[in-house]
Protein backbone atom coordinates (compact mmCIF):
# COMPACT_ATOMS: atom_id res chain seq x y z
CA UNK A 1 -13.31 3.78 10.33
CA UNK A 2 -15.13 1.41 8.97
CA UNK A 3 -14.59 3.22 6.13
CA UNK A 4 -11.74 3.94 6.11
CA UNK A 5 -10.40 -0.10 6.33
CA UNK A 6 -12.96 -1.33 3.19
CA UNK A 7 -10.68 1.39 1.60
CA UNK A 8 -6.95 0.09 2.40
CA UNK A 9 -8.35 -4.13 1.91
CA UNK A 10 -9.62 -2.64 -1.43
CA UNK A 11 -6.59 -0.72 -2.05
CA UNK A 12 -4.42 -4.42 -1.50
CA UNK A 13 -7.06 -6.34 -3.51
CA UNK A 14 -7.04 -3.99 -5.98
CA UNK A 15 -2.97 -4.97 -6.23
CA UNK A 16 -3.26 -8.86 -5.61
CA UNK A 17 -5.21 -8.84 -8.43
CA UNK A 18 -3.49 -6.88 -11.00
CA UNK A 19 -0.19 -8.77 -9.86
CA UNK A 20 -0.77 -11.80 -9.79
CA UNK A 21 -3.40 -11.41 -13.15
CA UNK A 22 -0.12 -9.98 -15.17
CA UNK A 23 2.30 -12.91 -14.25
CA UNK A 24 -0.67 -15.19 -15.10
CA UNK A 25 -1.00 -14.40 -18.40
CA UNK A 26 2.27 -13.47 -19.26
CA UNK A 27 3.61 -17.08 -17.94
CA UNK A 28 0.19 -17.91 -20.45
CA UNK A 29 1.29 -16.48 -23.25
CA UNK A 30 5.23 -17.84 -22.84
CA UNK A 31 3.73 -21.16 -22.12
CA UNK A 32 1.24 -21.36 -25.53
CA UNK A 33 4.75 -19.98 -27.63
CA UNK A 34 3.25 -16.45 -27.79
CA UNK A 35 5.60 -14.63 -25.38
CA UNK A 36 4.40 -11.65 -25.08
CA UNK A 37 8.49 -8.92 -25.53
CA UNK A 38 10.33 -7.47 -23.75
CA UNK A 39 9.41 -4.40 -24.50
CA UNK A 40 5.41 -5.24 -23.06
CA UNK A 41 6.49 -6.77 -19.69
CA UNK A 42 9.72 -3.35 -19.12
CA UNK A 43 6.34 -1.84 -19.51
CA UNK A 44 3.72 -3.94 -17.26
CA UNK A 45 6.41 -4.52 -14.70
CA UNK A 46 7.18 -0.23 -14.70
CA UNK A 47 2.91 0.39 -14.93
CA UNK A 48 2.47 -1.97 -11.80
CA UNK A 49 6.00 -1.21 -9.86
CA UNK A 50 4.54 2.61 -10.52
CA UNK A 51 0.57 2.07 -9.30
CA UNK A 52 1.74 0.09 -6.12
CA UNK A 53 4.56 3.27 -5.46
CA UNK A 54 1.25 4.91 -5.78
CA UNK A 55 -0.77 3.13 -3.48
CA UNK A 56 2.28 3.13 -0.43
CA UNK A 57 1.85 7.07 -0.57
CA UNK A 58 -1.72 6.98 -0.24
CA UNK A 59 -2.13 4.27 2.97
CA UNK A 60 0.89 6.34 4.40
CA UNK A 61 -1.26 9.98 3.85
CA UNK A 62 -3.96 7.53 5.36
CA UNK A 63 -1.75 6.70 8.80
CA UNK A 64 -0.36 10.51 8.55
CA UNK A 65 -4.34 11.34 8.93
CA UNK A 66 -5.47 9.08 11.71
CA UNK A 67 -2.38 9.87 13.72
CA UNK A 68 -2.90 13.42 13.58
CA UNK A 69 -6.06 12.72 14.66
CA UNK A 70 -6.77 10.60 16.98
CA UNK A 71 -2.91 11.47 18.67
CA UNK A 72 -3.87 15.28 19.38
CA UNK A 73 -0.61 16.09 21.80
CA UNK A 74 3.19 16.44 20.55
CA UNK A 75 5.21 14.02 21.14
CA UNK A 76 6.84 16.01 24.35
CA UNK A 77 3.49 16.21 25.52
CA UNK A 78 2.86 12.22 25.11
CA UNK A 79 6.30 11.69 27.28
CA UNK A 80 5.17 14.37 29.52
CA UNK A 81 2.07 12.33 29.88
CA UNK A 82 3.42 9.75 31.08
CA UNK A 83 6.22 11.19 33.33
CA UNK A 84 3.91 11.83 35.68
CA UNK A 85 2.12 9.05 35.64
CA UNK A 86 4.98 7.57 36.77
CA UNK A 87 4.54 4.92 40.35
CA UNK A 88 6.40 5.29 42.45
């Protein structure tokens, strides 16, 4: 689980660095009077959004794996377990 936590932290760190670093350079070039063209900014934003989407899909797959391996009963089985353990 520690390795998975490190992996999740690394994914969030990479996304944050990419977003802030590209935003910094777009802002810096605009202030310096040499702005990127609109098509370049669209390409950069499309890449970042595709990367963030793939990270979200990857995190959902990891969550599914964790839930499948940790909770080995179905939801109906879990409801029956809680129903049987109710106090009277």
